Amino acid sequence: MTRNADAFAELFTPDGVFEAPLMPDGAAFPRRLVGREEIRSAMAAYYEQQGKDGRTPNLEKSGYVLHTTADPDVFIAEIDTVFDGDKGDVSVSLVQIFRIRDGQIARLRDYFAPELMG
């Protein structure tokens, strides 16, 4: 939400994987990134482009639910993010599946409607 690629990348293990499996090949939002440095550079480029759309996340209107699993290193987050914009609010709902190793994200799978990501 902060559009800080450095902070986002530091959440991952050095060999961490970030995936958005529903994204079509060639989309602006990356489909699969491997390693902290690739995550950092690709997300910085995406955030730069995204920052020009005039939308900002509204934390008061947004919400989430966390689900634990039988594996203590895996959890699931349901997220509803509301963005304020010049043309009204836009809501983006998604599900993220996290696999944690040594307190950092080893793998994050992000499921959302690709057409909402521009």
N, C-alpha and C. Protein backbone atom coordinates (compact mmCIF):
# COMPACT_ATOMS: atom_id res chain seq x y z
N MET A 1 0.81 -1.20 0.00
CA MET A 1 0.00 0.00 0.00
C MET A 1 0.86 1.27 0.00
N THR A 2 2.05 1.17 0.55
CA THR A 2 2.90 2.35 0.62
C THR A 2 3.64 2.63 -0.67
N ARG A 3 3.63 1.66 -1.57
CA ARG A 3 4.37 1.78 -2.84
C ARG A 3 5.86 1.97 -2.60
N ASN A 4 6.37 1.32 -1.56
CA ASN A 4 7.78 1.38 -1.23
C ASN A 4 8.39 0.03 -1.59
N ALA A 5 9.03 -0.03 -2.73
CA ALA A 5 9.58 -1.29 -3.24
C ALA A 5 10.69 -1.83 -2.33
N ASP A 6 11.49 -0.96 -1.75
CA ASP A 6 12.55 -1.41 -0.85
C ASP A 6 11.96 -2.10 0.38
N ALA A 7 10.98 -1.47 1.00
CA ALA A 7 10.35 -2.05 2.19
C ALA A 7 9.65 -3.36 1.84
N PHE A 8 8.97 -3.41 0.70
CA PHE A 8 8.28 -4.62 0.26
C PHE A 8 9.29 -5.74 0.05
N ALA A 9 10.36 -5.48 -0.67
CA ALA A 9 11.36 -6.51 -0.96
C ALA A 9 12.02 -7.04 0.30
N GLU A 10 12.23 -6.19 1.29
CA GLU A 10 12.89 -6.61 2.52
C GLU A 10 12.03 -7.57 3.35
N LEU A 11 10.74 -7.68 3.03
CA LEU A 11 9.87 -8.65 3.71
C LEU A 11 10.17 -10.08 3.27
N PHE A 12 10.85 -10.23 2.13
CA PHE A 12 11.10 -11.54 1.53
C PHE A 12 12.47 -12.09 1.92
N THR A 13 12.57 -13.43 1.89
CA THR A 13 13.87 -14.06 2.01
C THR A 13 14.68 -13.69 0.76
N PRO A 14 16.01 -13.81 0.82
CA PRO A 14 16.80 -13.46 -0.38
C PRO A 14 16.37 -14.22 -1.63
N ASP A 15 15.88 -15.45 -1.47
CA ASP A 15 15.43 -16.25 -2.61
C ASP A 15 13.91 -16.31 -2.72
N GLY A 16 13.23 -15.38 -2.07
CA GLY A 16 11.76 -15.36 -2.03
C GLY A 16 11.14 -15.26 -3.42
N VAL A 17 9.89 -15.74 -3.49
CA VAL A 17 9.16 -15.75 -4.75
C VAL A 17 7.85 -14.99 -4.55
N PHE A 18 7.56 -14.07 -5.47
CA PHE A 18 6.31 -13.33 -5.48
C PHE A 18 5.60 -13.66 -6.78
N GLU A 19 4.37 -14.19 -6.67
CA GLU A 19 3.63 -14.60 -7.86
C GLU A 19 2.24 -13.98 -7.88
N ALA A 20 1.80 -13.64 -9.06
CA ALA A 20 0.43 -13.20 -9.32
C ALA A 20 -0.07 -14.09 -10.46
N PRO A 21 -0.48 -15.34 -10.15
CA PRO A 21 -0.77 -16.33 -11.18
C PRO A 21 -1.86 -15.97 -12.17
N LEU A 22 -2.75 -15.07 -11.81
CA LEU A 22 -3.85 -14.72 -12.71
C LEU A 22 -3.47 -13.63 -13.72
N MET A 23 -2.29 -13.03 -13.56
CA MET A 23 -1.87 -11.99 -14.49
C MET A 23 -1.50 -12.60 -15.83
N PRO A 24 -1.97 -12.02 -16.92
CA PRO A 24 -1.58 -12.53 -18.24
C PRO A 24 -0.13 -12.14 -18.55
N ASP A 25 0.52 -12.93 -19.38
CA ASP A 25 1.88 -12.60 -19.81
C ASP A 25 1.89 -11.21 -20.44
N GLY A 26 2.92 -10.44 -20.16
CA GLY A 26 3.08 -9.12 -20.74
C GLY A 26 2.32 -8.01 -20.03
N ALA A 27 1.62 -8.32 -18.94
CA ALA A 27 0.88 -7.30 -18.20
C ALA A 27 1.85 -6.38 -17.46
N ALA A 28 1.38 -5.18 -17.13
CA ALA A 28 2.23 -4.22 -16.41
C ALA A 28 2.60 -4.75 -15.02
N PHE A 29 1.66 -5.42 -14.36
CA PHE A 29 1.94 -5.99 -13.05
C PHE A 29 2.68 -7.30 -13.26
N PRO A 30 3.79 -7.52 -12.55
CA PRO A 30 4.59 -8.72 -12.79
C PRO A 30 3.84 -10.00 -12.39
N ARG A 31 4.03 -11.03 -13.19
CA ARG A 31 3.38 -12.33 -12.93
C ARG A 31 4.20 -13.17 -11.95
N ARG A 32 5.53 -13.18 -12.10
CA ARG A 32 6.38 -13.98 -11.22
C ARG A 32 7.73 -13.31 -11.08
N LEU A 33 8.14 -13.14 -9.83
CA LEU A 33 9.43 -12.55 -9.52
C LEU A 33 10.16 -13.47 -8.56
N VAL A 34 11.45 -13.69 -8.81
CA VAL A 34 12.23 -14.59 -7.97
C VAL A 34 13.43 -13.84 -7.41
N GLY A 35 13.56 -13.85 -6.11
CA GLY A 35 14.68 -13.20 -5.44
C GLY A 35 14.35 -11.78 -5.03
N ARG A 36 14.88 -11.40 -3.90
CA ARG A 36 14.60 -10.09 -3.31
C ARG A 36 14.94 -8.94 -4.26
N GLU A 37 16.05 -9.04 -4.96
CA GLU A 37 16.47 -7.94 -5.84
C GLU A 37 15.55 -7.81 -7.05
N GLU A 38 15.11 -8.93 -7.62
CA GLU A 38 14.17 -8.85 -8.74
C GLU A 38 12.83 -8.28 -8.27
N ILE A 39 12.41 -8.70 -7.08
CA ILE A 39 11.17 -8.15 -6.51
C ILE A 39 11.30 -6.65 -6.33
N ARG A 40 12.42 -6.21 -5.78
CA ARG A 40 12.65 -4.78 -5.54
C ARG A 40 12.60 -3.97 -6.84
N SER A 41 13.33 -4.40 -7.84
CA SER A 41 13.42 -3.60 -9.07
C SER A 41 12.11 -3.62 -9.86
N ALA A 42 11.49 -4.78 -9.97
CA ALA A 42 10.24 -4.86 -10.74
C ALA A 42 9.11 -4.09 -10.06
N MET A 43 9.03 -4.19 -8.74
CA MET A 43 7.96 -3.48 -8.03
C MET A 43 8.22 -1.97 -8.03
N ALA A 44 9.47 -1.55 -7.98
CA ALA A 44 9.77 -0.11 -8.06
C ALA A 44 9.29 0.45 -9.40
N ALA A 45 9.55 -0.29 -10.47
CA ALA A 45 9.10 0.15 -11.80
C ALA A 45 7.57 0.17 -11.86
N TYR A 46 6.92 -0.83 -11.30
CA TYR A 46 5.46 -0.86 -11.31
C TYR A 46 4.88 0.27 -10.46
N TYR A 47 5.43 0.48 -9.28
CA TYR A 47 4.92 1.55 -8.40
C TYR A 47 5.09 2.92 -9.04
N GLU A 48 6.17 3.12 -9.77
CA GLU A 48 6.40 4.39 -10.47
C GLU A 48 5.27 4.65 -11.46
N GLN A 49 4.91 3.65 -12.22
CA GLN A 49 3.82 3.76 -13.19
C GLN A 49 2.48 3.94 -12.47
N GLN A 50 2.25 3.17 -11.43
CA GLN A 50 0.98 3.20 -10.71
C GLN A 50 0.77 4.54 -10.01
N GLY A 51 1.83 5.15 -9.54
CA GLY A 51 1.72 6.40 -8.80
C GLY A 51 1.14 7.55 -9.60
N LYS A 52 1.05 7.40 -10.90
CA LYS A 52 0.54 8.46 -11.77
C LYS A 52 -0.97 8.41 -11.95
N ASP A 53 -1.64 7.40 -11.36
CA ASP A 53 -3.07 7.24 -11.60
C ASP A 53 -3.96 8.05 -10.66
N GLY A 54 -3.37 8.70 -9.66
CA GLY A 54 -4.14 9.55 -8.75
C GLY A 54 -4.89 8.81 -7.67
N ARG A 55 -4.77 7.48 -7.61
CA ARG A 55 -5.45 6.71 -6.57
C ARG A 55 -4.54 6.52 -5.37
N THR A 56 -5.12 6.65 -4.18
CA THR A 56 -4.39 6.39 -2.95
C THR A 56 -5.21 5.44 -2.09
N PRO A 57 -4.55 4.49 -1.40
CA PRO A 57 -5.29 3.56 -0.56
C PRO A 57 -5.90 4.27 0.65
N ASN A 58 -7.12 3.92 0.97
CA ASN A 58 -7.82 4.47 2.13
C ASN A 58 -7.88 3.37 3.18
N LEU A 59 -7.02 3.47 4.20
CA LEU A 59 -6.91 2.43 5.21
C LEU A 59 -8.16 2.32 6.07
N GLU A 60 -8.87 3.42 6.26
CA GLU A 60 -10.09 3.38 7.07
C GLU A 60 -11.21 2.60 6.38
N LYS A 61 -11.26 2.63 5.07
CA LYS A 61 -12.29 1.93 4.31
C LYS A 61 -11.87 0.49 3.95
N SER A 62 -10.59 0.21 4.02
CA SER A 62 -10.06 -1.10 3.63
C SER A 62 -10.12 -2.06 4.82
N GLY A 63 -10.02 -3.36 4.53
CA GLY A 63 -10.04 -4.34 5.60
C GLY A 63 -9.44 -5.66 5.16
N TYR A 64 -9.23 -6.54 6.14
CA TYR A 64 -8.67 -7.85 5.84
C TYR A 64 -9.10 -8.87 6.89
N VAL A 65 -8.99 -10.13 6.50
CA VAL A 65 -9.23 -11.26 7.40
C VAL A 65 -8.06 -12.22 7.21
N LEU A 66 -7.44 -12.65 8.32
CA LEU A 66 -6.35 -13.62 8.25
C LEU A 66 -6.87 -15.01 8.62
N HIS A 67 -6.40 -16.01 7.89
CA HIS A 67 -6.78 -17.39 8.15
C HIS A 67 -5.51 -18.20 8.40
N THR A 68 -5.50 -18.94 9.50
CA THR A 68 -4.38 -19.84 9.75
C THR A 68 -4.65 -21.17 9.05
N THR A 69 -3.61 -21.95 8.89
CA THR A 69 -3.72 -23.26 8.25
C THR A 69 -3.09 -24.30 9.16
N ALA A 70 -3.16 -25.56 8.77
CA ALA A 70 -2.55 -26.64 9.55
C ALA A 70 -1.03 -26.51 9.57
N ASP A 71 -0.47 -25.83 8.60
CA ASP A 71 0.98 -25.60 8.54
C ASP A 71 1.27 -24.25 9.19
N PRO A 72 2.03 -24.22 10.28
CA PRO A 72 2.27 -22.93 10.96
C PRO A 72 3.05 -21.92 10.14
N ASP A 73 3.66 -22.35 9.05
CA ASP A 73 4.42 -21.43 8.19
C ASP A 73 3.59 -20.90 7.02
N VAL A 74 2.29 -21.24 6.99
CA VAL A 74 1.42 -20.81 5.89
C VAL A 74 0.19 -20.13 6.47
N PHE A 75 -0.15 -18.96 5.92
CA PHE A 75 -1.42 -18.32 6.27
C PHE A 75 -2.01 -17.67 5.03
N ILE A 76 -3.30 -17.40 5.10
CA ILE A 76 -4.05 -16.83 3.98
C ILE A 76 -4.67 -15.52 4.43
N ALA A 77 -4.59 -14.52 3.58
CA ALA A 77 -5.19 -13.20 3.87
C ALA A 77 -6.21 -12.88 2.80
N GLU A 78 -7.43 -12.53 3.24
CA GLU A 78 -8.45 -11.96 2.35
C GLU A 78 -8.38 -10.45 2.54
N ILE A 79 -8.21 -9.71 1.47
CA ILE A 79 -7.99 -8.27 1.58
C ILE A 79 -8.96 -7.53 0.67
N ASP A 80 -9.57 -6.50 1.21
CA ASP A 80 -10.40 -5.58 0.43
C ASP A 80 -9.77 -4.21 0.58
N THR A 81 -9.11 -3.74 -0.46
CA THR A 81 -8.46 -2.44 -0.43
C THR A 81 -9.32 -1.44 -1.19
N VAL A 82 -9.58 -0.31 -0.56
CA VAL A 82 -10.35 0.76 -1.19
C VAL A 82 -9.37 1.88 -1.52
N PHE A 83 -9.40 2.30 -2.78
CA PHE A 83 -8.56 3.40 -3.24
C PHE A 83 -9.44 4.62 -3.48
N ASP A 84 -9.02 5.77 -2.94
CA ASP A 84 -9.68 7.03 -3.23
C ASP A 84 -9.10 7.57 -4.53
N GLY A 85 -9.93 8.14 -5.34
CA GLY A 85 -9.44 8.71 -6.59
C GLY A 85 -10.29 9.86 -7.05
N ASP A 86 -9.83 10.52 -8.08
CA ASP A 86 -10.55 11.68 -8.62
C ASP A 86 -11.93 11.30 -9.15
N LYS A 87 -12.07 10.05 -9.60
CA LYS A 87 -13.33 9.60 -10.19
C LYS A 87 -14.13 8.73 -9.22
N GLY A 88 -13.83 8.79 -7.92
CA GLY A 88 -14.54 8.00 -6.92
C GLY A 88 -13.72 6.83 -6.42
N ASP A 89 -14.27 6.15 -5.44
CA ASP A 89 -13.59 5.01 -4.83
C ASP A 89 -13.54 3.83 -5.78
N VAL A 90 -12.45 3.08 -5.69
CA VAL A 90 -12.29 1.82 -6.41
C VAL A 90 -11.90 0.78 -5.37
N SER A 91 -12.61 -0.34 -5.36
CA SER A 91 -12.32 -1.41 -4.42
C SER A 91 -11.64 -2.56 -5.15
N VAL A 92 -10.56 -3.07 -4.56
CA VAL A 92 -9.83 -4.21 -5.11
C VAL A 92 -9.84 -5.30 -4.05
N SER A 93 -10.44 -6.44 -4.38
CA SER A 93 -10.48 -7.58 -3.47
C SER A 93 -9.48 -8.62 -3.95
N LEU A 94 -8.78 -9.22 -3.01
CA LEU A 94 -7.78 -10.21 -3.37
C LEU A 94 -7.58 -11.21 -2.25
N VAL A 95 -6.92 -12.30 -2.58
CA VAL A 95 -6.52 -13.31 -1.62
C VAL A 95 -5.02 -13.52 -1.79
N GLN A 96 -4.31 -13.55 -0.68
CA GLN A 96 -2.88 -13.80 -0.71
C GLN A 96 -2.56 -15.01 0.16
N ILE A 97 -1.69 -15.87 -0.36
CA ILE A 97 -1.24 -17.04 0.38
C ILE A 97 0.25 -16.85 0.66
N PHE A 98 0.59 -16.86 1.94
CA PHE A 98 1.95 -16.61 2.39
C PHE A 98 2.59 -17.90 2.90
N ARG A 99 3.83 -18.14 2.52
CA ARG A 99 4.66 -19.18 3.13
C ARG A 99 5.86 -18.45 3.76
N ILE A 100 6.04 -18.65 5.05
CA ILE A 100 7.05 -17.94 5.82
C ILE A 100 8.23 -18.85 6.14
N ARG A 101 9.44 -18.31 6.09
CA ARG A 101 10.64 -19.02 6.52
C ARG A 101 11.50 -18.05 7.32
N ASP A 102 11.86 -18.42 8.51
CA ASP A 102 12.72 -17.59 9.37
C ASP A 102 12.19 -16.17 9.51
N GLY A 103 10.88 -16.04 9.62
CA GLY A 103 10.25 -14.74 9.86
C GLY A 103 10.10 -13.86 8.64
N GLN A 104 10.44 -14.37 7.47
CA GLN A 104 10.29 -13.60 6.23
C GLN A 104 9.45 -14.38 5.23
N ILE A 105 8.97 -13.69 4.20
CA ILE A 105 8.16 -14.33 3.18
C ILE A 105 9.06 -15.13 2.24
N ALA A 106 8.83 -16.43 2.18
CA ALA A 106 9.56 -17.28 1.23
C ALA A 106 8.80 -17.36 -0.09
N ARG A 107 7.46 -17.29 0.01
CA ARG A 107 6.63 -17.33 -1.19
C ARG A 107 5.32 -16.62 -0.91
N LEU A 108 4.94 -15.76 -1.82
CA LEU A 108 3.67 -15.04 -1.73
C LEU A 108 2.95 -15.22 -3.06
N ARG A 109 1.74 -15.80 -2.98
CA ARG A 109 0.90 -15.94 -4.17
C ARG A 109 -0.26 -14.98 -4.01
N ASP A 110 -0.42 -14.09 -4.96
CA ASP A 110 -1.37 -12.98 -4.91
C ASP A 110 -2.44 -13.19 -5.98
N TYR A 111 -3.69 -13.41 -5.55
CA TYR A 111 -4.79 -13.68 -6.47
C TYR A 111 -5.77 -12.51 -6.48
N PHE A 112 -5.94 -11.90 -7.64
CA PHE A 112 -6.84 -10.76 -7.80
C PHE A 112 -7.24 -10.65 -9.26
N ALA A 113 -8.22 -9.80 -9.53
CA ALA A 113 -8.68 -9.59 -10.91
C ALA A 113 -7.64 -8.76 -11.66
N PRO A 114 -6.98 -9.34 -12.66
CA PRO A 114 -5.92 -8.62 -13.37
C PRO A 114 -6.35 -7.31 -14.00
N GLU A 115 -7.58 -7.22 -14.46
CA GLU A 115 -8.02 -6.00 -15.14
C GLU A 115 -8.06 -4.78 -14.20
N LEU A 116 -8.00 -5.01 -12.89
CA LEU A 116 -8.00 -3.90 -11.95
C LEU A 116 -6.63 -3.31 -11.73
N MET A 117 -5.58 -3.95 -12.23
CA MET A 117 -4.23 -3.51 -11.92
C MET A 117 -3.59 -2.66 -13.00
N GLY A 118 -4.23 -2.46 -14.11
CA GLY A 118 -3.70 -1.57 -15.14
C GLY A 118 -2.37 -1.91 -15.69
